[in-house]
C-alpha cells in the first residue's frame, strides 16, 4: 500500500468520526461485506436500503473511510477511498477501554472524512 495513502488513512482515523450509527447487519467474516460491495458496484442496487446508502456514499464520495464493526468479530473493517483509490483494511480492537467494550457489543458504522 502506498505509504502516503496509509498515513492519510491513519490521520483520518485519529479524528472524531463525522457520523456513527448502529446497524442491524452482522457478519461472521468481513469478506462477506467485500463480496456484497463487489456485487453492488456491478448492479448499483442492494435489497437492504441501509447498505445501499452506505455503498452509495462509498462509490460517489472521495477521501473518506467507512468503518464497520460487526459484534461477531474481534476487528473492524475500514473501507477507504483516497484519491479515487479503494483500500480495505481490517484493524483489531486493541486495549479495549470500557467505552470500546460497549461499542464492541453492537454492530455499527462510522464515517470519517
PDB file of N, CA and C in Angstrom:
ATOM      1  N   UNK A   1       0.857  -1.180   0.000  1.00  0.00           N
ATOM      2  CA  UNK A   1       0.000   0.000   0.000  1.00  0.00           C
ATOM      3  C   UNK A   1       0.898   1.237   0.000  1.00  0.00           C
ATOM      4  N   UNK A   2       0.493   2.211  -0.766  1.00  0.00           N
ATOM      5  CA  UNK A   2       1.216   3.476  -0.838  1.00  0.00           C
ATOM      6  C   UNK A   2       1.309   4.093   0.560  1.00  0.00           C
ATOM      7  N   UNK A   3       2.528   4.449   0.973  1.00  0.00           N
ATOM      8  CA  UNK A   3       2.755   4.987   2.320  1.00  0.00           C
ATOM      9  C   UNK A   3       1.986   6.286   2.552  1.00  0.00           C
ATOM     10  N   UNK A   4       1.871   7.142   1.535  1.00  0.00           N
ATOM     11  CA  UNK A   4       1.119   8.394   1.678  1.00  0.00           C
ATOM     12  C   UNK A   4      -0.352   8.131   1.942  1.00  0.00           C
ATOM     13  N   UNK A   5      -0.914   7.155   1.230  1.00  0.00           N
ATOM     14  CA  UNK A   5      -2.325   6.819   1.442  1.00  0.00           C
ATOM     15  C   UNK A   5      -2.521   6.245   2.839  1.00  0.00           C
ATOM     16  N   UNK A   6      -1.629   5.356   3.253  1.00  0.00           N
ATOM     17  CA  UNK A   6      -1.727   4.772   4.589  1.00  0.00           C
ATOM     18  C   UNK A   6      -1.632   5.851   5.666  1.00  0.00           C
ATOM     19  N   UNK A   7      -0.709   6.789   5.534  1.00  0.00           N
ATOM     20  CA  UNK A   7      -0.599   7.888   6.504  1.00  0.00           C
ATOM     21  C   UNK A   7      -1.867   8.732   6.528  1.00  0.00           C
ATOM     22  N   UNK A   8      -2.434   8.983   5.362  1.00  0.00           N
ATOM     23  CA  UNK A   8      -3.674   9.765   5.294  1.00  0.00           C
ATOM     24  C   UNK A   8      -4.807   9.029   6.012  1.00  0.00           C
ATOM     25  N   UNK A   9      -4.895   7.722   5.797  1.00  0.00           N
ATOM     26  CA  UNK A   9      -5.930   6.908   6.462  1.00  0.00           C
ATOM     27  C   UNK A   9      -5.741   6.963   7.978  1.00  0.00           C
ATOM     28  N   UNK A  10      -4.523   6.759   8.437  1.00  0.00           N
ATOM     29  CA  UNK A  10      -4.261   6.776   9.878  1.00  0.00           C
ATOM     30  C   UNK A  10      -4.576   8.133  10.492  1.00  0.00           C
ATOM     31  N   UNK A  11      -4.240   9.220   9.801  1.00  0.00           N
ATOM     32  CA  UNK A  11      -4.546  10.565  10.311  1.00  0.00           C
ATOM     33  C   UNK A  11      -6.051  10.804  10.385  1.00  0.00           C
ATOM     34  N   UNK A  12      -6.779  10.326   9.403  1.00  0.00           N
ATOM     35  CA  UNK A  12      -8.233  10.493   9.424  1.00  0.00           C
ATOM     36  C   UNK A  12      -8.840   9.702  10.581  1.00  0.00           C
ATOM     37  N   UNK A  13      -8.344   8.489  10.810  1.00  0.00           N
ATOM     38  CA  UNK A  13      -8.890   7.655  11.886  1.00  0.00           C
ATOM     39  C   UNK A  13      -8.603   8.224  13.277  1.00  0.00           C
ATOM     40  N   UNK A  14      -7.643   9.101  13.404  1.00  0.00           N
ATOM     41  CA  UNK A  14      -7.344   9.736  14.691  1.00  0.00           C
ATOM     42  C   UNK A  14      -8.384  10.789  15.047  1.00  0.00           C
ATOM     43  N   UNK A  15      -9.114  11.259  14.054  1.00  0.00           N
ATOM     44  CA  UNK A  15     -10.139  12.290  14.269  1.00  0.00           C
ATOM     45  C   UNK A  15     -11.432  11.657  14.759  1.00  0.00           C
ATOM     46  N   UNK A  16     -12.287  12.508  15.259  1.00  0.00           N
ATOM     47  CA  UNK A  16     -13.630  12.081  15.636  1.00  0.00           C
ATOM     48  C   UNK A  16     -14.414  11.797  14.353  1.00  0.00           C
ATOM     49  N   UNK A  17     -15.182  10.694  14.310  1.00  0.00           N
ATOM     50  CA  UNK A  17     -15.949  10.408  13.094  1.00  0.00           C
ATOM     51  C   UNK A  17     -17.019  11.469  12.838  1.00  0.00           C
ATOM     52  N   UNK A  18     -17.354  11.649  11.557  1.00  0.00           N
ATOM     53  CA  UNK A  18     -18.416  12.588  11.184  1.00  0.00           C
ATOM     54  C   UNK A  18     -19.780  12.088  11.661  1.00  0.00           C
ATOM     55  N   UNK A  19     -19.937  10.764  11.635  1.00  0.00           N
ATOM     56  CA  UNK A  19     -21.220  10.178  11.985  1.00  0.00           C
ATOM     57  C   UNK A  19     -20.990   8.736  12.416  1.00  0.00           C
ATOM     58  N   UNK A  20     -21.748   8.288  13.398  1.00  0.00           N
ATOM     59  CA  UNK A  20     -21.716   6.900  13.856  1.00  0.00           C
ATOM     60  C   UNK A  20     -23.159   6.471  14.078  1.00  0.00           C
ATOM     61  N   UNK A  21     -23.500   5.282  13.587  1.00  0.00           N
ATOM     62  CA  UNK A  21     -24.842   4.776  13.847  1.00  0.00           C
ATOM     63  C   UNK A  21     -24.836   3.263  13.934  1.00  0.00           C
ATOM     64  N   UNK A  22     -25.808   2.760  14.705  1.00  0.00           N
ATOM     65  CA  UNK A  22     -25.985   1.314  14.823  1.00  0.00           C
ATOM     66  C   UNK A  22     -26.560   0.769  13.529  1.00  0.00           C
ATOM     67  N   UNK A  23     -26.230  -0.480  13.250  1.00  0.00           N
ATOM     68  CA  UNK A  23     -26.760  -1.154  12.075  1.00  0.00           C
ATOM     69  C   UNK A  23     -27.143  -2.571  12.503  1.00  0.00           C
ATOM     70  N   UNK A  24     -28.242  -3.072  11.971  1.00  0.00           N
ATOM     71  CA  UNK A  24     -28.713  -4.407  12.346  1.00  0.00           C
ATOM     72  C   UNK A  24     -27.844  -5.519  11.775  1.00  0.00           C
ATOM     73  N   UNK A  25     -27.218  -5.257  10.655  1.00  0.00           N
ATOM     74  CA  UNK A  25     -26.488  -6.288   9.933  1.00  0.00           C
ATOM     75  C   UNK A  25     -25.210  -6.698  10.650  1.00  0.00           C
ATOM     76  N   UNK A  26     -25.080  -8.001  10.862  1.00  0.00           N
ATOM     77  CA  UNK A  26     -23.900  -8.579  11.486  1.00  0.00           C
ATOM     78  C   UNK A  26     -23.326  -9.623  10.540  1.00  0.00           C
ATOM     79  N   UNK A  27     -22.009  -9.745  10.505  1.00  0.00           N
ATOM     80  CA  UNK A  27     -21.367 -10.758   9.665  1.00  0.00           C
ATOM     81  C   UNK A  27     -20.373 -11.546  10.499  1.00  0.00           C
ATOM     82  N   UNK A  28     -20.056 -12.722  10.031  1.00  0.00           N
ATOM     83  CA  UNK A  28     -19.055 -13.559  10.694  1.00  0.00           C
ATOM     84  C   UNK A  28     -17.698 -13.469  10.004  1.00  0.00           C
ATOM     85  N   UNK A  29     -17.675 -12.760   8.852  1.00  0.00           N
ATOM     86  CA  UNK A  29     -16.440 -12.608   8.093  1.00  0.00           C
ATOM     87  C   UNK A  29     -16.572 -11.346   7.241  1.00  0.00           C
ATOM     88  N   UNK A  30     -15.589 -10.465   7.302  1.00  0.00           N
ATOM     89  CA  UNK A  30     -15.656  -9.230   6.529  1.00  0.00           C
ATOM     90  C   UNK A  30     -15.536  -9.460   5.029  1.00  0.00           C
ATOM     91  N   UNK A  31     -15.083 -10.629   4.620  1.00  0.00           N
ATOM     92  CA  UNK A  31     -15.084 -10.951   3.190  1.00  0.00           C
ATOM     93  C   UNK A  31     -16.499 -10.917   2.625  1.00  0.00           C
ATOM     94  N   UNK A  32     -17.487 -11.241   3.471  1.00  0.00           N
ATOM     95  CA  UNK A  32     -18.896 -11.164   3.037  1.00  0.00           C
ATOM     96  C   UNK A  32     -19.264  -9.733   2.659  1.00  0.00           C
ATOM     97  N   UNK A  33     -18.786  -8.771   3.425  1.00  0.00           N
ATOM     98  CA  UNK A  33     -19.057  -7.359   3.137  1.00  0.00           C
ATOM     99  C   UNK A  33     -18.409  -6.968   1.813  1.00  0.00           C
ATOM    100  N   UNK A  34     -17.169  -7.371   1.632  1.00  0.00           N
ATOM    101  CA  UNK A  34     -16.456  -7.009   0.402  1.00  0.00           C
ATOM    102  C   UNK A  34     -17.076  -7.686  -0.815  1.00  0.00           C
ATOM    103  N   UNK A  35     -17.600  -8.889  -0.652  1.00  0.00           N
ATOM    104  CA  UNK A  35     -18.305  -9.553  -1.755  1.00  0.00           C
ATOM    105  C   UNK A  35     -19.595  -8.824  -2.094  1.00  0.00           C
ATOM    106  N   UNK A  36     -20.310  -8.354  -1.060  1.00  0.00           N
ATOM    107  CA  UNK A  36     -21.525  -7.566  -1.300  1.00  0.00           C
ATOM    108  C   UNK A  36     -21.173  -6.258  -2.016  1.00  0.00           C
ATOM    109  N   UNK A  37     -20.066  -5.647  -1.629  1.00  0.00           N
ATOM    110  CA  UNK A  37     -19.617  -4.408  -2.263  1.00  0.00           C
ATOM    111  C   UNK A  37     -19.332  -4.641  -3.746  1.00  0.00           C
ATOM    112  N   UNK A  38     -18.657  -5.728  -4.066  1.00  0.00           N
ATOM    113  CA  UNK A  38     -18.350  -6.042  -5.469  1.00  0.00           C
ATOM    114  C   UNK A  38     -19.633  -6.211  -6.280  1.00  0.00           C
ATOM    115  N   UNK A  39     -20.605  -6.908  -5.710  1.00  0.00           N
ATOM    116  CA  UNK A  39     -21.894  -7.076  -6.399  1.00  0.00           C
ATOM    117  C   UNK A  39     -22.596  -5.728  -6.579  1.00  0.00           C
ATOM    118  N   UNK A  40     -22.547  -4.902  -5.528  1.00  0.00           N
ATOM    119  CA  UNK A  40     -23.188  -3.597  -5.598  1.00  0.00           C
ATOM    120  C   UNK A  40     -22.578  -2.740  -6.716  1.00  0.00           C
ATOM    121  N   UNK A  41     -21.261  -2.764  -6.843  1.00  0.00           N
ATOM    122  CA  UNK A  41     -20.612  -1.949  -7.884  1.00  0.00           C
ATOM    123  C   UNK A  41     -21.082  -2.350  -9.278  1.00  0.00           C
ATOM    124  N   UNK A  42     -21.405  -3.617  -9.474  1.00  0.00           N
ATOM    125  CA  UNK A  42     -21.905  -4.079 -10.773  1.00  0.00           C
ATOM    126  C   UNK A  42     -23.372  -3.721 -10.974  1.00  0.00           C
ATOM    127  N   UNK A  43     -24.177  -3.923  -9.930  1.00  0.00           N
ATOM    128  CA  UNK A  43     -25.636  -3.781 -10.046  1.00  0.00           C
ATOM    129  C   UNK A  43     -26.163  -2.400  -9.663  1.00  0.00           C
ATOM    130  N   UNK A  44     -25.420  -1.697  -8.831  1.00  0.00           N
ATOM    131  CA  UNK A  44     -25.813  -0.371  -8.314  1.00  0.00           C
ATOM    132  C   UNK A  44     -27.101  -0.421  -7.493  1.00  0.00           C
ATOM    133  N   UNK A  45     -27.374  -1.588  -6.919  1.00  0.00           N
ATOM    134  CA  UNK A  45     -28.545  -1.721  -6.062  1.00  0.00           C
ATOM    135  C   UNK A  45     -28.279  -2.777  -5.003  1.00  0.00           C
ATOM    136  N   UNK A  46     -29.061  -2.717  -3.927  1.00  0.00           N
ATOM    137  CA  UNK A  46     -28.963  -3.700  -2.851  1.00  0.00           C
ATOM    138  C   UNK A  46     -30.333  -3.808  -2.213  1.00  0.00           C
ATOM    139  N   UNK A  47     -30.698  -4.997  -1.775  1.00  0.00           N
ATOM    140  CA  UNK A  47     -32.029  -5.200  -1.188  1.00  0.00           C
ATOM    141  C   UNK A  47     -32.188  -4.499   0.163  1.00  0.00           C
ATOM    142  N   UNK A  48     -31.086  -4.273   0.877  1.00  0.00           N
ATOM    143  CA  UNK A  48     -31.128  -3.584   2.159  1.00  0.00           C
ATOM    144  C   UNK A  48     -30.833  -2.102   1.906  1.00  0.00           C
ATOM    145  N   UNK A  49     -31.787  -1.236   2.184  1.00  0.00           N
ATOM    146  CA  UNK A  49     -31.656   0.185   1.858  1.00  0.00           C
ATOM    147  C   UNK A  49     -30.517   0.848   2.642  1.00  0.00           C
ATOM    148  N   UNK A  50     -30.286   0.426   3.873  1.00  0.00           N
ATOM    149  CA  UNK A  50     -29.192   0.999   4.658  1.00  0.00           C
ATOM    150  C   UNK A  50     -27.846   0.672   4.021  1.00  0.00           C
ATOM    151  N   UNK A  51     -27.668  -0.580   3.646  1.00  0.00           N
ATOM    152  CA  UNK A  51     -26.422  -0.986   2.994  1.00  0.00           C
ATOM    153  C   UNK A  51     -26.278  -0.286   1.647  1.00  0.00           C
ATOM    154  N   UNK A  52     -27.372  -0.164   0.903  1.00  0.00           N
ATOM    155  CA  UNK A  52     -27.331   0.551  -0.371  1.00  0.00           C
ATOM    156  C   UNK A  52     -26.851   1.987  -0.161  1.00  0.00           C
ATOM    157  N   UNK A  53     -27.387   2.656   0.846  1.00  0.00           N
ATOM    158  CA  UNK A  53     -26.995   4.041   1.119  1.00  0.00           C
ATOM    159  C   UNK A  53     -25.518   4.151   1.504  1.00  0.00           C
ATOM    160  N   UNK A  54     -25.029   3.211   2.312  1.00  0.00           N
ATOM    161  CA  UNK A  54     -23.615   3.212   2.689  1.00  0.00           C
ATOM    162  C   UNK A  54     -22.749   3.006   1.450  1.00  0.00           C
ATOM    163  N   UNK A  55     -23.124   2.037   0.629  1.00  0.00           N
ATOM    164  CA  UNK A  55     -22.357   1.768  -0.585  1.00  0.00           C
ATOM    165  C   UNK A  55     -22.448   2.926  -1.580  1.00  0.00           C
ATOM    166  N   UNK A  56     -23.592   3.602  -1.641  1.00  0.00           N
ATOM    167  CA  UNK A  56     -23.723   4.794  -2.497  1.00  0.00           C
ATOM    168  C   UNK A  56     -22.691   5.845  -2.095  1.00  0.00           C
ATOM    169  N   UNK A  57     -22.582   6.087  -0.809  1.00  0.00           N
ATOM    170  CA  UNK A  57     -21.616   7.073  -0.315  1.00  0.00           C
ATOM    171  C   UNK A  57     -20.199   6.641  -0.674  1.00  0.00           C
ATOM    172  N   UNK A  58     -19.912   5.367  -0.473  1.00  0.00           N
ATOM    173  CA  UNK A  58     -18.567   4.862  -0.756  1.00  0.00           C
ATOM    174  C   UNK A  58     -18.230   4.998  -2.241  1.00  0.00           C
ATOM    175  N   UNK A  59     -19.197   4.783  -3.090  1.00  0.00           N
ATOM    176  CA  UNK A  59     -18.979   4.865  -4.531  1.00  0.00           C
ATOM    177  C   UNK A  59     -18.853   6.312  -4.998  1.00  0.00           C
ATOM    178  N   UNK A  60     -19.714   7.188  -4.498  1.00  0.00           N
ATOM    179  CA  UNK A  60     -19.825   8.537  -5.034  1.00  0.00           C
ATOM    180  C   UNK A  60     -18.913   9.558  -4.361  1.00  0.00           C
ATOM    181  N   UNK A  61     -18.542   9.316  -3.123  1.00  0.00           N
ATOM    182  CA  UNK A  61     -17.725  10.265  -2.380  1.00  0.00           C
ATOM    183  C   UNK A  61     -16.251   9.883  -2.491  1.00  0.00           C
ATOM    184  N   UNK A  62     -15.373  10.816  -2.179  1.00  0.00           N
ATOM    185  CA  UNK A  62     -13.940  10.561  -2.245  1.00  0.00           C
ATOM    186  C   UNK A  62     -13.298  10.985  -0.923  1.00  0.00           C
ATOM    187  N   UNK A  63     -12.130  10.458  -0.641  1.00  0.00           N
ATOM    188  CA  UNK A  63     -11.357  10.791   0.549  1.00  0.00           C
ATOM    189  C   UNK A  63     -12.169  10.606   1.836  1.00  0.00           C
ATOM    190  N   UNK A  64     -12.526   9.367   2.084  1.00  0.00           N
ATOM    191  CA  UNK A  64     -13.307   9.026   3.262  1.00  0.00           C
ATOM    192  C   UNK A  64     -12.962   7.607   3.721  1.00  0.00           C
ATOM    193  N   UNK A  65     -13.427   7.301   4.911  1.00  0.00           N
ATOM    194  CA  UNK A  65     -13.327   5.958   5.464  1.00  0.00           C
ATOM    195  C   UNK A  65     -14.683   5.591   6.032  1.00  0.00           C
ATOM    196  N   UNK A  66     -15.141   4.407   5.680  1.00  0.00           N
ATOM    197  CA  UNK A  66     -16.335   3.845   6.288  1.00  0.00           C
ATOM    198  C   UNK A  66     -15.851   2.685   7.152  1.00  0.00           C
ATOM    199  N   UNK A  67     -15.973   2.846   8.453  1.00  0.00           N
ATOM    200  CA  UNK A  67     -15.535   1.821   9.393  1.00  0.00           C
ATOM    201  C   UNK A  67     -16.753   1.018   9.811  1.00  0.00           C
ATOM    202  N   UNK A  68     -16.679  -0.291   9.636  1.00  0.00           N
ATOM    203  CA  UNK A  68     -17.786  -1.174  10.011  1.00  0.00           C
ATOM    204  C   UNK A  68     -17.308  -2.137  11.082  1.00  0.00           C
ATOM    205  N   UNK A  69     -18.067  -2.246  12.147  1.00  0.00           N
ATOM    206  CA  UNK A  69     -17.770  -3.176  13.219  1.00  0.00           C
ATOM    207  C   UNK A  69     -18.936  -4.135  13.383  1.00  0.00           C
ATOM    208  N   UNK A  70     -18.647  -5.420  13.215  1.00  0.00           N
ATOM    209  CA  UNK A  70     -19.643  -6.459  13.464  1.00  0.00           C
ATOM    210  C   UNK A  70     -19.377  -7.045  14.843  1.00  0.00           C
ATOM    211  N   UNK A  71     -20.412  -7.138  15.653  1.00  0.00           N
ATOM    212  CA  UNK A  71     -20.235  -7.654  17.018  1.00  0.00           C
ATOM    213  C   UNK A  71     -19.757  -9.100  17.022  1.00  0.00           C
ATOM    214  N   UNK A  72     -19.854  -9.763  15.893  1.00  0.00           N
ATOM    215  CA  UNK A  72     -19.409 -11.152  15.774  1.00  0.00           C
ATOM    216  C   UNK A  72     -17.890 -11.280  15.668  1.00  0.00           C
ATOM    217  N   UNK A  73     -17.183 -10.162  15.426  1.00  0.00           N
ATOM    218  CA  UNK A  73     -15.758 -10.223  15.109  1.00  0.00           C
ATOM    219  C   UNK A  73     -14.909  -9.399  16.079  1.00  0.00           C
ATOM    220  N   UNK A  74     -13.624  -9.711  16.113  1.00  0.00           N
ATOM    221  CA  UNK A  74     -12.698  -9.040  17.024  1.00  0.00           C
ATOM    222  C   UNK A  74     -11.874  -7.961  16.338  1.00  0.00           C
ATOM    223  N   UNK A  75     -12.339  -7.519  15.188  1.00  0.00           N
ATOM    224  CA  UNK A  75     -11.668  -6.437  14.486  1.00  0.00           C
ATOM    225  C   UNK A  75     -12.717  -5.618  13.757  1.00  0.00           C
ATOM    226  N   UNK A  76     -12.280  -4.561  13.089  1.00  0.00           N
ATOM    227  CA  UNK A  76     -13.183  -3.701  12.318  1.00  0.00           C
ATOM    228  C   UNK A  76     -12.693  -3.670  10.874  1.00  0.00           C
ATOM    229  N   UNK A  77     -13.600  -3.370   9.965  1.00  0.00           N
ATOM    230  CA  UNK A  77     -13.262  -3.236   8.555  1.00  0.00           C
ATOM    231  C   UNK A  77     -13.289  -1.757   8.198  1.00  0.00           C
ATOM    232  N   UNK A  78     -12.195  -1.285   7.634  1.00  0.00           N
ATOM    233  CA  UNK A  78     -12.122   0.089   7.128  1.00  0.00           C
ATOM    234  C   UNK A  78     -12.200   0.031   5.609  1.00  0.00           C
ATOM    235  N   UNK A  79     -13.266   0.584   5.076  1.00  0.00           N
ATOM    236  CA  UNK A  79     -13.438   0.689   3.632  1.00  0.00           C
ATOM    237  C   UNK A  79     -13.033   2.115   3.272  1.00  0.00           C
ATOM    238  N   UNK A  80     -11.856   2.240   2.693  1.00  0.00           N
ATOM    239  CA  UNK A  80     -11.260   3.547   2.444  1.00  0.00           C
ATOM    240  C   UNK A  80     -11.298   3.879   0.953  1.00  0.00           C
ATOM    241  N   UNK A  81     -11.500   5.159   0.667  1.00  0.00           N
ATOM    242  CA  UNK A  81     -11.378   5.659  -0.696  1.00  0.00           C
ATOM    243  C   UNK A  81     -10.593   6.963  -0.621  1.00  0.00           C
ATOM    244  N   UNK A  82      -9.351   6.903  -1.070  1.00  0.00           N
ATOM    245  CA  UNK A  82      -8.454   8.046  -1.038  1.00  0.00           C
ATOM    246  C   UNK A  82      -7.956   8.324  -2.449  1.00  0.00           C
ATOM    247  N   UNK A  83      -8.162   9.555  -2.914  1.00  0.00           N
ATOM    248  CA  UNK A  83      -7.737   9.951  -4.264  1.00  0.00           C
ATOM    249  C   UNK A  83      -8.268   8.963  -5.307  1.00  0.00           C
ATOM    250  N   UNK A  84      -9.520   8.568  -5.132  1.00  0.00           N
ATOM    251  CA  UNK A  84     -10.220   7.632  -6.021  1.00  0.00           C
ATOM    252  C   UNK A  84      -9.586   6.243  -6.069  1.00  0.00           C
ATOM    253  N   UNK A  85      -8.833   5.891  -5.030  1.00  0.00           N
ATOM    254  CA  UNK A  85      -8.259   4.553  -4.898  1.00  0.00           C
ATOM    255  C   UNK A  85      -8.926   3.885  -3.697  1.00  0.00           C
ATOM    256  N   UNK A  86      -9.477   2.698  -3.918  1.00  0.00           N
ATOM    257  CA  UNK A  86     -10.130   1.940  -2.857  1.00  0.00           C
ATOM    258  C   UNK A  86      -9.108   1.079  -2.131  1.00  0.00           C
ATOM    259  N   UNK A  87      -9.155   1.106  -0.798  1.00  0.00           N
ATOM    260  CA  UNK A  87      -8.325   0.257   0.057  1.00  0.00           C
ATOM    261  C   UNK A  87      -9.206  -0.305   1.165  1.00  0.00           C
ATOM    262  N   UNK A  88      -8.950  -1.549   1.524  1.00  0.00           N
ATOM    263  CA  UNK A  88      -9.730  -2.217   2.570  1.00  0.00           C
ATOM    264  C   UNK A  88      -8.765  -2.767   3.600  1.00  0.00           C
ATOM    265  N   UNK A  89      -8.982  -2.378   4.853  1.00  0.00           N
ATOM    266  CA  UNK A  89      -8.069  -2.739   5.928  1.00  0.00           C
ATOM    267  C   UNK A  89      -8.877  -3.260   7.109  1.00  0.00           C
ATOM    268  N   UNK A  90      -8.432  -4.371   7.680  1.00  0.00           N
ATOM    269  CA  UNK A  90      -9.010  -4.854   8.931  1.00  0.00           C
ATOM    270  C   UNK A  90      -8.077  -4.440  10.063  1.00  0.00           C
ATOM    271  N   UNK A  91      -8.661  -3.848  11.096  1.00  0.00           N
ATOM    272  CA  UNK A  91      -7.888  -3.407  12.258  1.00  0.00           C
ATOM    273  C   UNK A  91      -8.434  -4.095  13.508  1.00  0.00           C
ATOM    274  N   UNK A  92      -7.549  -4.622  14.349  1.00  0.00           N
ATOM    275  CA  UNK A  92      -8.023  -5.292  15.574  1.00  0.00           C
ATOM    276  C   UNK A  92      -8.439  -4.284  16.636  1.00  0.00           C
ATOM    277  N   UNK A  93      -9.353  -4.713  17.505  1.00  0.00           N
ATOM    278  CA  UNK A  93      -9.633  -3.945  18.714  1.00  0.00           C
ATOM    279  C   UNK A  93      -8.443  -4.180  19.641  1.00  0.00           C
ATOM    280  N   UNK A  94      -7.790  -3.127  20.066  1.00  0.00           N
ATOM    281  CA  UNK A  94      -6.636  -3.248  20.953  1.00  0.00           C
ATOM    282  C   UNK A  94      -6.898  -2.507  22.249  1.00  0.00           C
ATOM    283  N   UNK A  95      -6.472  -3.079  23.349  1.00  0.00           N
ATOM    284  CA  UNK A  95      -6.562  -2.423  24.658  1.00  0.00           C
ATOM    285  C   UNK A  95      -7.925  -1.763  24.869  1.00  0.00           C
ATOM    286  N   UNK A  96      -8.946  -2.553  24.845  1.00  0.00           N
ATOM    287  CA  UNK A  96     -10.299  -2.009  24.928  1.00  0.00           C
ATOM    288  C   UNK A  96     -10.555  -1.329  26.262  1.00  0.00           C
ATOM    289  N   UNK A  97     -10.953  -0.054  26.180  1.00  0.00           N
ATOM    290  CA  UNK A  97     -11.414   0.617  27.382  1.00  0.00           C
ATOM    291  C   UNK A  97     -12.912   0.332  27.518  1.00  0.00           C
ATOM    292  N   UNK A  98     -13.532   0.815  28.578  1.00  0.00           N
ATOM    293  CA  UNK A  98     -14.944   0.498  28.822  1.00  0.00           C
ATOM    294  C   UNK A  98     -15.850   0.967  27.689  1.00  0.00           C
ATOM    295  N   UNK A  99     -15.559   2.160  27.150  1.00  0.00           N
ATOM    296  CA  UNK A  99     -16.379   2.684  26.058  1.00  0.00           C
ATOM    297  C   UNK A  99     -16.268   1.774  24.829  1.00  0.00           C
ATOM    298  N   UNK A 100     -15.052   1.352  24.518  1.00  0.00           N
ATOM    299  CA  UNK A 100     -14.857   0.474  23.355  1.00  0.00           C
ATOM    300  C   UNK A 100     -15.475  -0.897  23.589  1.00  0.00           C
ATOM    301  N   UNK A 101     -15.426  -1.408  24.804  1.00  0.00           N
ATOM    302  CA  UNK A 101     -16.055  -2.699  25.100  1.00  0.00           C
ATOM    303  C   UNK A 101     -17.554  -2.619  24.832  1.00  0.00           C
ATOM    304  N   UNK A 102     -18.162  -1.497  25.180  1.00  0.00           N
ATOM    305  CA  UNK A 102     -19.588  -1.309  24.927  1.00  0.00           C
ATOM    306  C   UNK A 102     -19.850  -1.275  23.419  1.00  0.00           C
ATOM    307  N   UNK A 103     -19.015  -0.549  22.686  1.00  0.00           N
ATOM    308  CA  UNK A 103     -19.166  -0.465  21.229  1.00  0.00           C
ATOM    309  C   UNK A 103     -18.960  -1.833  20.578  1.00  0.00           C
ATOM    310  N   UNK A 104     -18.101  -2.665  21.147  1.00  0.00           N
ATOM    311  CA  UNK A 104     -17.805  -3.974  20.581  1.00  0.00           C
ATOM    312  C   UNK A 104     -19.023  -4.883  20.647  1.00  0.00           C
ATOM    313  N   UNK A 105     -19.967  -4.602  21.520  1.00  0.00           N
ATOM    314  CA  UNK A 105     -21.134  -5.469  21.695  1.00  0.00           C
ATOM    315  C   UNK A 105     -22.277  -5.133  20.729  1.00  0.00           C
ATOM    316  N   UNK A 106     -22.061  -4.153  19.828  1.00  0.00           N
ATOM    317  CA  UNK A 106     -23.087  -3.792  18.848  1.00  0.00           C
ATOM    318  C   UNK A 106     -22.454  -3.732  17.451  1.00  0.00           C
ATOM    319  N   UNK A 107     -23.309  -3.778  16.445  1.00  0.00           N
ATOM    320  CA  UNK A 107     -22.864  -3.536  15.074  1.00  0.00           C
ATOM    321  C   UNK A 107     -22.981  -2.031  14.837  1.00  0.00           C
ATOM    322  N   UNK A 108     -21.941  -1.443  14.267  1.00  0.00           N
ATOM    323  CA  UNK A 108     -22.038  -0.018  13.970  1.00  0.00           C
ATOM    324  C   UNK A 108     -21.206   0.332  12.743  1.00  0.00           C
ATOM    325  N   UNK A 109     -21.548   1.482  12.176  1.00  0.00           N
ATOM    326  CA  UNK A 109     -20.808   2.062  11.063  1.00  0.00           C
ATOM    327  C   UNK A 109     -20.412   3.476  11.475  1.00  0.00           C
ATOM    328  N   UNK A 110     -19.155   3.829  11.185  1.00  0.00           N
ATOM    329  CA  UNK A 110     -18.668   5.179  11.445  1.00  0.00           C
ATOM    330  C   UNK A 110     -18.112   5.746  10.142  1.00  0.00           C
ATOM    331  N   UNK A 111     -18.457   6.992   9.864  1.00  0.00           N
ATOM    332  CA  UNK A 111     -17.968   7.679   8.663  1.00  0.00           C
ATOM    333  C   UNK A 111     -16.912   8.700   9.065  1.00  0.00           C
ATOM    334  N   UNK A 112     -15.797   8.691   8.356  1.00  0.00           N
ATOM    335  CA  UNK A 112     -14.711   9.642   8.562  1.00  0.00           C
ATOM    336  C   UNK A 112     -14.384  10.325   7.242  1.00  0.00           C
ATOM    337  N   UNK A 113     -14.028  11.607   7.327  1.00  0.00           N
ATOM    338  CA  UNK A 113     -13.543  12.301   6.129  1.00  0.00           C
ATOM    339  C   UNK A 113     -12.516  13.343   6.527  1.00  0.00           C
TER     340      UNK A 113
END
